[in-house]
Amino acid sequence: EKIVRLTEYSPEYVAEVAERLRASRLWSGEALDYGD
């Protein structure tokens, strides 16, 4: 919700990207696990 508000991207697009990032555990709970 915060990313949608901040970026002004559609909720559907952000949800699609978020789902992929969560499925790979790059996003979990309140944490990020990106590479350096």
PDB file of all heavy atoms in Angstrom:
ATOM      1  N   GLU A   1       0.834  -1.209   0.000  1.00  0.00           N
ATOM      2  CA  GLU A   1       0.000   0.000   0.000  1.00  0.00           C
ATOM      3  C   GLU A   1       0.868   1.258   0.000  1.00  0.00           C
ATOM      4  O   GLU A   1       0.585   2.226  -0.701  1.00  0.00           O
ATOM      5  CB  GLU A   1      -0.937   0.037   1.213  1.00  0.00           C
ATOM      6  CG  GLU A   1      -1.743  -1.227   1.443  1.00  0.00           C
ATOM      7  CD  GLU A   1      -0.941  -2.338   2.136  1.00  0.00           C
ATOM      8  OE1 GLU A   1      -0.036  -2.072   2.950  1.00  0.00           O
ATOM      9  OE2 GLU A   1      -1.223  -3.514   1.836  1.00  0.00           O
ATOM     10  N   LYS A   2       1.923   1.255   0.795  1.00  0.00           N
ATOM     11  CA  LYS A   2       2.828   2.404   0.862  1.00  0.00           C
ATOM     12  C   LYS A   2       3.574   2.579  -0.456  1.00  0.00           C
ATOM     13  O   LYS A   2       3.796   3.698  -0.911  1.00  0.00           O
ATOM     14  CB  LYS A   2       3.815   2.242   2.015  1.00  0.00           C
ATOM     15  CG  LYS A   2       3.178   2.357   3.377  1.00  0.00           C
ATOM     16  CD  LYS A   2       4.208   2.167   4.483  1.00  0.00           C
ATOM     17  CE  LYS A   2       3.565   2.258   5.857  1.00  0.00           C
ATOM     18  NZ  LYS A   2       4.546   2.015   6.932  1.00  0.00           N
ATOM     19  N   ILE A   3       3.970   1.481  -1.059  1.00  0.00           N
ATOM     20  CA  ILE A   3       4.686   1.546  -2.337  1.00  0.00           C
ATOM     21  C   ILE A   3       3.765   2.069  -3.432  1.00  0.00           C
ATOM     22  O   ILE A   3       4.172   2.889  -4.251  1.00  0.00           O
ATOM     23  CB  ILE A   3       5.303   0.176  -2.689  1.00  0.00           C
ATOM     24  CG1 ILE A   3       6.414  -0.156  -1.676  1.00  0.00           C
ATOM     25  CG2 ILE A   3       5.828   0.160  -4.117  1.00  0.00           C
ATOM     26  CD1 ILE A   3       6.950  -1.559  -1.769  1.00  0.00           C
ATOM     27  N   VAL A   4       2.522   1.640  -3.431  1.00  0.00           N
ATOM     28  CA  VAL A   4       1.540   2.140  -4.404  1.00  0.00           C
ATOM     29  C   VAL A   4       1.376   3.645  -4.252  1.00  0.00           C
ATOM     30  O   VAL A   4       1.423   4.396  -5.229  1.00  0.00           O
ATOM     31  CB  VAL A   4       0.179   1.426  -4.243  1.00  0.00           C
ATOM     32  CG1 VAL A   4      -0.926   2.158  -4.991  1.00  0.00           C
ATOM     33  CG2 VAL A   4       0.272  -0.024  -4.708  1.00  0.00           C
ATOM     34  N   ARG A   5       1.218   4.104  -3.023  1.00  0.00           N
ATOM     35  CA  ARG A   5       1.025   5.538  -2.769  1.00  0.00           C
ATOM     36  C   ARG A   5       2.259   6.324  -3.198  1.00  0.00           C
ATOM     37  O   ARG A   5       2.160   7.358  -3.852  1.00  0.00           O
ATOM     38  CB  ARG A   5       0.729   5.797  -1.293  1.00  0.00           C
ATOM     39  CG  ARG A   5       0.478   7.273  -0.978  1.00  0.00           C
ATOM     40  CD  ARG A   5       0.160   7.526   0.484  1.00  0.00           C
ATOM     41  NE  ARG A   5       1.141   7.008   1.419  1.00  0.00           N
ATOM     42  CZ  ARG A   5       2.297   7.620   1.718  1.00  0.00           C
ATOM     43  NH1 ARG A   5       2.624   8.745   1.139  1.00  0.00           N
ATOM     44  NH2 ARG A   5       3.124   7.078   2.591  1.00  0.00           N
ATOM     45  N   LEU A   6       3.414   5.814  -2.860  1.00  0.00           N
ATOM     46  CA  LEU A   6       4.662   6.514  -3.133  1.00  0.00           C
ATOM     47  C   LEU A   6       5.008   6.537  -4.622  1.00  0.00           C
ATOM     48  O   LEU A   6       5.401   7.563  -5.168  1.00  0.00           O
ATOM     49  CB  LEU A   6       5.795   5.874  -2.333  1.00  0.00           C
ATOM     50  CG  LEU A   6       7.156   6.531  -2.398  1.00  0.00           C
ATOM     51  CD1 LEU A   6       7.091   7.975  -1.912  1.00  0.00           C
ATOM     52  CD2 LEU A   6       8.147   5.747  -1.558  1.00  0.00           C
ATOM     53  N   THR A   7       4.848   5.409  -5.295  1.00  0.00           N
ATOM     54  CA  THR A   7       5.248   5.307  -6.700  1.00  0.00           C
ATOM     55  C   THR A   7       4.148   5.734  -7.666  1.00  0.00           C
ATOM     56  O   THR A   7       4.428   6.038  -8.815  1.00  0.00           O
ATOM     57  CB  THR A   7       5.638   3.858  -7.055  1.00  0.00           C
ATOM     58  OG1 THR A   7       4.496   3.013  -6.901  1.00  0.00           O
ATOM     59  CG2 THR A   7       6.798   3.380  -6.210  1.00  0.00           C
ATOM     60  N   GLU A   8       2.912   5.685  -7.191  1.00  0.00           N
ATOM     61  CA  GLU A   8       1.727   5.941  -8.024  1.00  0.00           C
ATOM     62  C   GLU A   8       1.550   4.867  -9.100  1.00  0.00           C
ATOM     63  O   GLU A   8       0.910   5.088 -10.108  1.00  0.00           O
ATOM     64  CB  GLU A   8       1.757   7.349  -8.624  1.00  0.00           C
ATOM     65  CG  GLU A   8       1.757   8.428  -7.555  1.00  0.00           C
ATOM     66  CD  GLU A   8       1.791   9.848  -8.105  1.00  0.00           C
ATOM     67  OE1 GLU A   8       2.140  10.052  -9.292  1.00  0.00           O
ATOM     68  OE2 GLU A   8       1.477  10.760  -7.319  1.00  0.00           O
ATOM     69  N   TYR A   9       2.124   3.684  -8.870  1.00  0.00           N
ATOM     70  CA  TYR A   9       1.890   2.542  -9.750  1.00  0.00           C
ATOM     71  C   TYR A   9       0.574   1.895  -9.337  1.00  0.00           C
ATOM     72  O   TYR A   9       0.111   2.053  -8.211  1.00  0.00           O
ATOM     73  CB  TYR A   9       3.012   1.517  -9.639  1.00  0.00           C
ATOM     74  CG  TYR A   9       4.340   1.956 -10.209  1.00  0.00           C
ATOM     75  CD1 TYR A   9       5.496   1.257  -9.908  1.00  0.00           C
ATOM     76  CD2 TYR A   9       4.471   3.052 -11.059  1.00  0.00           C
ATOM     77  CE1 TYR A   9       6.730   1.624 -10.428  1.00  0.00           C
ATOM     78  CE2 TYR A   9       5.699   3.428 -11.579  1.00  0.00           C
ATOM     79  CZ  TYR A   9       6.817   2.712 -11.263  1.00  0.00           C
ATOM     80  OH  TYR A   9       8.032   3.077 -11.775  1.00  0.00           O
ATOM     81  N   SER A  10       0.010   1.103 -10.227  1.00  0.00           N
ATOM     82  CA  SER A  10      -1.266   0.455  -9.919  1.00  0.00           C
ATOM     83  C   SER A  10      -1.077  -0.584  -8.810  1.00  0.00           C
ATOM     84  O   SER A  10      -0.018  -1.228  -8.730  1.00  0.00           O
ATOM     85  CB  SER A  10      -1.841  -0.234 -11.155  1.00  0.00           C
ATOM     86  OG  SER A  10      -1.112  -1.412 -11.450  1.00  0.00           O
ATOM     87  N   PRO A  11      -2.101  -0.751  -7.983  1.00  0.00           N
ATOM     88  CA  PRO A  11      -2.012  -1.787  -6.940  1.00  0.00           C
ATOM     89  C   PRO A  11      -1.782  -3.173  -7.529  1.00  0.00           C
ATOM     90  O   PRO A  11      -1.080  -3.991  -6.944  1.00  0.00           O
ATOM     91  CB  PRO A  11      -3.370  -1.714  -6.237  1.00  0.00           C
ATOM     92  CG  PRO A  11      -3.883  -0.345  -6.522  1.00  0.00           C
ATOM     93  CD  PRO A  11      -3.328   0.029  -7.877  1.00  0.00           C
ATOM     94  N   GLU A  12      -2.335  -3.426  -8.711  1.00  0.00           N
ATOM     95  CA  GLU A  12      -2.174  -4.730  -9.347  1.00  0.00           C
ATOM     96  C   GLU A  12      -0.716  -4.980  -9.735  1.00  0.00           C
ATOM     97  O   GLU A  12      -0.195  -6.083  -9.536  1.00  0.00           O
ATOM     98  CB  GLU A  12      -3.075  -4.845 -10.587  1.00  0.00           C
ATOM     99  CG  GLU A  12      -4.555  -4.789 -10.284  1.00  0.00           C
ATOM    100  CD  GLU A  12      -5.100  -3.367 -10.061  1.00  0.00           C
ATOM    101  OE1 GLU A  12      -4.411  -2.377 -10.406  1.00  0.00           O
ATOM    102  OE2 GLU A  12      -6.215  -3.265  -9.517  1.00  0.00           O
ATOM    103  N   TYR A  13      -0.073  -3.958 -10.288  1.00  0.00           N
ATOM    104  CA  TYR A  13       1.319  -4.119 -10.694  1.00  0.00           C
ATOM    105  C   TYR A  13       2.217  -4.348  -9.476  1.00  0.00           C
ATOM    106  O   TYR A  13       3.032  -5.273  -9.463  1.00  0.00           O
ATOM    107  CB  TYR A  13       1.825  -2.907 -11.487  1.00  0.00           C
ATOM    108  CG  TYR A  13       3.283  -3.058 -11.845  1.00  0.00           C
ATOM    109  CD1 TYR A  13       3.675  -3.924 -12.867  1.00  0.00           C
ATOM    110  CD2 TYR A  13       4.274  -2.401 -11.131  1.00  0.00           C
ATOM    111  CE1 TYR A  13       5.012  -4.107 -13.175  1.00  0.00           C
ATOM    112  CE2 TYR A  13       5.616  -2.585 -11.435  1.00  0.00           C
ATOM    113  CZ  TYR A  13       5.975  -3.438 -12.455  1.00  0.00           C
ATOM    114  OH  TYR A  13       7.304  -3.642 -12.746  1.00  0.00           O
ATOM    115  N   VAL A  14       2.048  -3.531  -8.455  1.00  0.00           N
ATOM    116  CA  VAL A  14       2.873  -3.674  -7.248  1.00  0.00           C
ATOM    117  C   VAL A  14       2.620  -5.033  -6.608  1.00  0.00           C
ATOM    118  O   VAL A  14       3.566  -5.701  -6.174  1.00  0.00           O
ATOM    119  CB  VAL A  14       2.615  -2.513  -6.265  1.00  0.00           C
ATOM    120  CG1 VAL A  14       3.330  -2.748  -4.946  1.00  0.00           C
ATOM    121  CG2 VAL A  14       3.063  -1.185  -6.883  1.00  0.00           C
ATOM    122  N   ALA A  15       1.369  -5.484  -6.576  1.00  0.00           N
ATOM    123  CA  ALA A  15       1.048  -6.794  -5.992  1.00  0.00           C
ATOM    124  C   ALA A  15       1.717  -7.926  -6.776  1.00  0.00           C
ATOM    125  O   ALA A  15       2.202  -8.894  -6.190  1.00  0.00           O
ATOM    126  CB  ALA A  15      -0.462  -7.003  -5.947  1.00  0.00           C
ATOM    127  N   GLU A  16       1.752  -7.800  -8.096  1.00  0.00           N
ATOM    128  CA  GLU A  16       2.386  -8.823  -8.945  1.00  0.00           C
ATOM    129  C   GLU A  16       3.883  -8.917  -8.647  1.00  0.00           C
ATOM    130  O   GLU A  16       4.427 -10.013  -8.465  1.00  0.00           O
ATOM    131  CB  GLU A  16       2.156  -8.453 -10.408  1.00  0.00           C
ATOM    132  CG  GLU A  16       2.701  -9.428 -11.407  1.00  0.00           C
ATOM    133  CD  GLU A  16       2.412  -8.970 -12.830  1.00  0.00           C
ATOM    134  OE1 GLU A  16       1.278  -8.548 -13.111  1.00  0.00           O
ATOM    135  OE2 GLU A  16       3.344  -9.028 -13.651  1.00  0.00           O
ATOM    136  N   VAL A  17       4.560  -7.781  -8.593  1.00  0.00           N
ATOM    137  CA  VAL A  17       5.991  -7.769  -8.294  1.00  0.00           C
ATOM    138  C   VAL A  17       6.223  -8.260  -6.867  1.00  0.00           C
ATOM    139  O   VAL A  17       7.118  -9.076  -6.616  1.00  0.00           O
ATOM    140  CB  VAL A  17       6.587  -6.361  -8.509  1.00  0.00           C
ATOM    141  CG1 VAL A  17       8.030  -6.292  -8.023  1.00  0.00           C
ATOM    142  CG2 VAL A  17       6.502  -5.966  -9.980  1.00  0.00           C
ATOM    143  N   ALA A  18       5.408  -7.798  -5.927  1.00  0.00           N
ATOM    144  CA  ALA A  18       5.538  -8.201  -4.523  1.00  0.00           C
ATOM    145  C   ALA A  18       5.380  -9.709  -4.360  1.00  0.00           C
ATOM    146  O   ALA A  18       6.132 -10.336  -3.605  1.00  0.00           O
ATOM    147  CB  ALA A  18       4.512  -7.466  -3.666  1.00  0.00           C
ATOM    148  N   GLU A  19       4.438 -10.286  -5.073  1.00  0.00           N
ATOM    149  CA  GLU A  19       4.224 -11.738  -4.991  1.00  0.00           C
ATOM    150  C   GLU A  19       5.482 -12.495  -5.421  1.00  0.00           C
ATOM    151  O   GLU A  19       5.888 -13.468  -4.774  1.00  0.00           O
ATOM    152  CB  GLU A  19       3.038 -12.139  -5.874  1.00  0.00           C
ATOM    153  CG  GLU A  19       2.738 -13.625  -5.850  1.00  0.00           C
ATOM    154  CD  GLU A  19       1.559 -13.986  -6.735  1.00  0.00           C
ATOM    155  OE1 GLU A  19       0.750 -13.111  -7.080  1.00  0.00           O
ATOM    156  OE2 GLU A  19       1.462 -15.179  -7.084  1.00  0.00           O
ATOM    157  N   ARG A  20       6.111 -12.040  -6.480  1.00  0.00           N
ATOM    158  CA  ARG A  20       7.341 -12.691  -6.958  1.00  0.00           C
ATOM    159  C   ARG A  20       8.475 -12.549  -5.944  1.00  0.00           C
ATOM    160  O   ARG A  20       9.212 -13.507  -5.682  1.00  0.00           O
ATOM    161  CB  ARG A  20       7.768 -12.073  -8.285  1.00  0.00           C
ATOM    162  CG  ARG A  20       6.804 -12.337  -9.413  1.00  0.00           C
ATOM    163  CD  ARG A  20       7.197 -11.541 -10.632  1.00  0.00           C
ATOM    164  NE  ARG A  20       6.237 -11.709 -11.701  1.00  0.00           N
ATOM    165  CZ  ARG A  20       6.014 -10.798 -12.624  1.00  0.00           C
ATOM    166  NH1 ARG A  20       6.695  -9.666 -12.636  1.00  0.00           N
ATOM    167  NH2 ARG A  20       5.122 -11.016 -13.562  1.00  0.00           N
ATOM    168  N   LEU A  21       8.609 -11.347  -5.382  1.00  0.00           N
ATOM    169  CA  LEU A  21       9.676 -11.109  -4.411  1.00  0.00           C
ATOM    170  C   LEU A  21       9.446 -11.907  -3.136  1.00  0.00           C
ATOM    171  O   LEU A  21      10.393 -12.415  -2.534  1.00  0.00           O
ATOM    172  CB  LEU A  21       9.786  -9.612  -4.120  1.00  0.00           C
ATOM    173  CG  LEU A  21      10.240  -8.757  -5.318  1.00  0.00           C
ATOM    174  CD1 LEU A  21      10.079  -7.275  -5.008  1.00  0.00           C
ATOM    175  CD2 LEU A  21      11.664  -9.078  -5.713  1.00  0.00           C
ATOM    176  N   ARG A  22       8.190 -12.037  -2.724  1.00  0.00           N
ATOM    177  CA  ARG A  22       7.886 -12.848  -1.531  1.00  0.00           C
ATOM    178  C   ARG A  22       8.088 -14.338  -1.788  1.00  0.00           C
ATOM    179  O   ARG A  22       8.581 -15.057  -0.922  1.00  0.00           O
ATOM    180  CB  ARG A  22       6.459 -12.571  -1.059  1.00  0.00           C
ATOM    181  CG  ARG A  22       6.323 -11.245  -0.374  1.00  0.00           C
ATOM    182  CD  ARG A  22       4.972 -11.086   0.330  1.00  0.00           C
ATOM    183  NE  ARG A  22       4.925  -9.806   0.988  1.00  0.00           N
ATOM    184  CZ  ARG A  22       4.345  -8.717   0.474  1.00  0.00           C
ATOM    185  NH1 ARG A  22       3.714  -8.777  -0.688  1.00  0.00           N
ATOM    186  NH2 ARG A  22       4.363  -7.579   1.135  1.00  0.00           N
ATOM    187  N   ALA A  23       7.712 -14.796  -2.968  1.00  0.00           N
ATOM    188  CA  ALA A  23       7.876 -16.220  -3.301  1.00  0.00           C
ATOM    189  C   ALA A  23       9.345 -16.629  -3.239  1.00  0.00           C
ATOM    190  O   ALA A  23       9.655 -17.779  -2.901  1.00  0.00           O
ATOM    191  CB  ALA A  23       7.295 -16.512  -4.678  1.00  0.00           C
ATOM    192  N   SER A  24      10.240 -15.696  -3.540  1.00  0.00           N
ATOM    193  CA  SER A  24      11.677 -15.975  -3.492  1.00  0.00           C
ATOM    194  C   SER A  24      12.308 -15.517  -2.183  1.00  0.00           C
ATOM    195  O   SER A  24      13.533 -15.547  -2.050  1.00  0.00           O
ATOM    196  CB  SER A  24      12.384 -15.297  -4.672  1.00  0.00           C
ATOM    197  OG  SER A  24      12.063 -15.962  -5.871  1.00  0.00           O
ATOM    198  N   ARG A  25      11.482 -15.080  -1.260  1.00  0.00           N
ATOM    199  CA  ARG A  25      11.915 -14.626   0.067  1.00  0.00           C
ATOM    200  C   ARG A  25      12.840 -13.409   0.021  1.00  0.00           C
ATOM    201  O   ARG A  25      13.638 -13.194   0.912  1.00  0.00           O
ATOM    202  CB  ARG A  25      12.547 -15.769   0.873  1.00  0.00           C
ATOM    203  CG  ARG A  25      11.572 -16.889   1.198  1.00  0.00           C
ATOM    204  CD  ARG A  25      12.246 -18.196   1.498  1.00  0.00           C
ATOM    205  NE  ARG A  25      13.531 -18.445   0.880  1.00  0.00           N
ATOM    206  CZ  ARG A  25      13.728 -18.788  -0.409  1.00  0.00           C
ATOM    207  NH1 ARG A  25      12.710 -18.959  -1.203  1.00  0.00           N
ATOM    208  NH2 ARG A  25      14.940 -18.996  -0.871  1.00  0.00           N
ATOM    209  N   LEU A  26      12.743 -12.616  -1.041  1.00  0.00           N
ATOM    210  CA  LEU A  26      13.466 -11.346  -1.068  1.00  0.00           C
ATOM    211  C   LEU A  26      12.721 -10.323  -0.203  1.00  0.00           C
ATOM    212  O   LEU A  26      13.317  -9.380   0.291  1.00  0.00           O
ATOM    213  CB  LEU A  26      13.622 -10.828  -2.494  1.00  0.00           C
ATOM    214  CG  LEU A  26      14.493 -11.693  -3.402  1.00  0.00           C
ATOM    215  CD1 LEU A  26      14.497 -11.160  -4.817  1.00  0.00           C
ATOM    216  CD2 LEU A  26      15.903 -11.800  -2.868  1.00  0.00           C
ATOM    217  N   TRP A  27      11.406 -10.531  -0.055  1.00  0.00           N
ATOM    218  CA  TRP A  27      10.580  -9.776   0.881  1.00  0.00           C
ATOM    219  C   TRP A  27       9.954 -10.790   1.830  1.00  0.00           C
ATOM    220  O   TRP A  27       9.409 -11.799   1.401  1.00  0.00           O
ATOM    221  CB  TRP A  27       9.440  -9.063   0.181  1.00  0.00           C
ATOM    222  CG  TRP A  27       9.780  -7.852  -0.616  1.00  0.00           C
ATOM    223  CD1 TRP A  27      11.016  -7.375  -0.940  1.00  0.00           C
ATOM    224  CD2 TRP A  27       8.842  -6.963  -1.213  1.00  0.00           C
ATOM    225  NE1 TRP A  27      10.902  -6.253  -1.701  1.00  0.00           N
ATOM    226  CE2 TRP A  27       9.580  -5.970  -1.884  1.00  0.00           C
ATOM    227  CE3 TRP A  27       7.455  -6.910  -1.252  1.00  0.00           C
ATOM    228  CZ2 TRP A  27       8.960  -4.928  -2.581  1.00  0.00           C
ATOM    229  CZ3 TRP A  27       6.849  -5.890  -1.943  1.00  0.00           C
ATOM    230  CH2 TRP A  27       7.591  -4.902  -2.592  1.00  0.00           C
ATOM    231  N   SER A  28      10.052 -10.510   3.118  1.00  0.00           N
ATOM    232  CA  SER A  28       9.369 -11.354   4.099  1.00  0.00           C
ATOM    233  C   SER A  28       9.040 -10.501   5.311  1.00  0.00           C
ATOM    234  O   SER A  28       9.922  -9.811   5.832  1.00  0.00           O
ATOM    235  CB  SER A  28      10.233 -12.550   4.504  1.00  0.00           C
ATOM    236  OG  SER A  28      11.443 -12.124   5.059  1.00  0.00           O
ATOM    237  N   GLY A  29       7.782 -10.525   5.724  1.00  0.00           N
ATOM    238  CA  GLY A  29       7.375  -9.686   6.846  1.00  0.00           C
ATOM    239  C   GLY A  29       7.734  -8.244   6.579  1.00  0.00           C
ATOM    240  O   GLY A  29       7.290  -7.652   5.606  1.00  0.00           O
ATOM    241  N   GLU A  30       8.575  -7.692   7.414  1.00  0.00           N
ATOM    242  CA  GLU A  30       9.037  -6.308   7.248  1.00  0.00           C
ATOM    243  C   GLU A  30      10.481  -6.233   6.745  1.00  0.00           C
ATOM    244  O   GLU A  30      11.080  -5.166   6.730  1.00  0.00           O
ATOM    245  CB  GLU A  30       8.921  -5.554   8.585  1.00  0.00           C
ATOM    246  CG  GLU A  30       7.495  -5.391   9.076  1.00  0.00           C
ATOM    247  CD  GLU A  30       6.635  -4.584   8.103  1.00  0.00           C
ATOM    248  OE1 GLU A  30       7.106  -3.541   7.613  1.00  0.00           O
ATOM    249  OE2 GLU A  30       5.507  -5.024   7.824  1.00  0.00           O
ATOM    250  N   ALA A  31      11.034  -7.373   6.345  1.00  0.00           N
ATOM    251  CA  ALA A  31      12.456  -7.429   5.983  1.00  0.00           C
ATOM    252  C   ALA A  31      12.664  -7.577   4.475  1.00  0.00           C
ATOM    253  O   ALA A  31      11.824  -8.128   3.764  1.00  0.00           O
ATOM    254  CB  ALA A  31      13.115  -8.600   6.702  1.00  0.00           C
ATOM    255  N   LEU A  32      13.812  -7.088   4.030  1.00  0.00           N
ATOM    256  CA  LEU A  32      14.259  -7.248   2.647  1.00  0.00           C
ATOM    257  C   LEU A  32      15.513  -8.109   2.663  1.00  0.00           C
ATOM    258  O   LEU A  32      16.334  -8.004   3.568  1.00  0.00           O
ATOM    259  CB  LEU A  32      14.613  -5.889   2.032  1.00  0.00           C
ATOM    260  CG  LEU A  32      13.557  -4.803   2.069  1.00  0.00           C
ATOM    261  CD1 LEU A  32      14.120  -3.502   1.508  1.00  0.00           C
ATOM    262  CD2 LEU A  32      12.315  -5.222   1.304  1.00  0.00           C
ATOM    263  N   ASP A  33      15.662  -8.962   1.652  1.00  0.00           N
ATOM    264  CA  ASP A  33      16.850  -9.803   1.564  1.00  0.00           C
ATOM    265  C   ASP A  33      17.428  -9.733   0.154  1.00  0.00           C
ATOM    266  O   ASP A  33      17.623 -10.744  -0.510  1.00  0.00           O
ATOM    267  CB  ASP A  33      16.508 -11.246   1.950  1.00  0.00           C
ATOM    268  CG  ASP A  33      17.754 -12.117   2.088  1.00  0.00           C
ATOM    269  OD1 ASP A  33      18.835 -11.558   2.354  1.00  0.00           O
ATOM    270  OD2 ASP A  33      17.632 -13.333   1.916  1.00  0.00           O
ATOM    271  N   TYR A  34      17.684  -8.501  -0.316  1.00  0.00           N
ATOM    272  CA  TYR A  34      18.309  -8.325  -1.616  1.00  0.00           C
ATOM    273  C   TYR A  34      19.788  -8.641  -1.483  1.00  0.00           C
ATOM    274  O   TYR A  34      20.365  -8.546  -0.408  1.00  0.00           O
ATOM    275  CB  TYR A  34      18.201  -6.876  -2.094  1.00  0.00           C
ATOM    276  CG  TYR A  34      16.803  -6.310  -2.241  1.00  0.00           C
ATOM    277  CD1 TYR A  34      16.580  -4.961  -1.998  1.00  0.00           C
ATOM    278  CD2 TYR A  34      15.726  -7.078  -2.657  1.00  0.00           C
ATOM    279  CE1 TYR A  34      15.322  -4.404  -2.152  1.00  0.00           C
ATOM    280  CE2 TYR A  34      14.470  -6.527  -2.802  1.00  0.00           C
ATOM    281  CZ  TYR A  34      14.261  -5.191  -2.557  1.00  0.00           C
ATOM    282  OH  TYR A  34      13.025  -4.640  -2.708  1.00  0.00           O
ATOM    283  N   GLY A  35      20.407  -8.942  -2.609  1.00  0.00           N
ATOM    284  CA  GLY A  35      21.855  -9.056  -2.626  1.00  0.00           C
ATOM    285  C   GLY A  35      22.463  -7.672  -2.460  1.00  0.00           C
ATOM    286  O   GLY A  35      21.768  -6.661  -2.476  1.00  0.00           O
ATOM    287  N   ASP A  36      23.767  -7.613  -2.307  1.00  0.00           N
ATOM    288  CA  ASP A  36      24.491  -6.344  -2.227  1.00  0.00           C
ATOM    289  C   ASP A  36      24.569  -5.763  -3.636  1.00  0.00           C
ATOM    290  O   ASP A  36      25.212  -6.337  -4.502  1.00  0.00           O
ATOM    291  CB  ASP A  36      25.893  -6.589  -1.659  1.00  0.00           C
ATOM    292  CG  ASP A  36      26.776  -5.363  -1.701  1.00  0.00           C
ATOM    293  OD1 ASP A  36      26.257  -4.241  -1.851  1.00  0.00           O
ATOM    294  OD2 ASP A  36      28.001  -5.529  -1.581  1.00  0.00           O
TER     295      ASP A  36
END
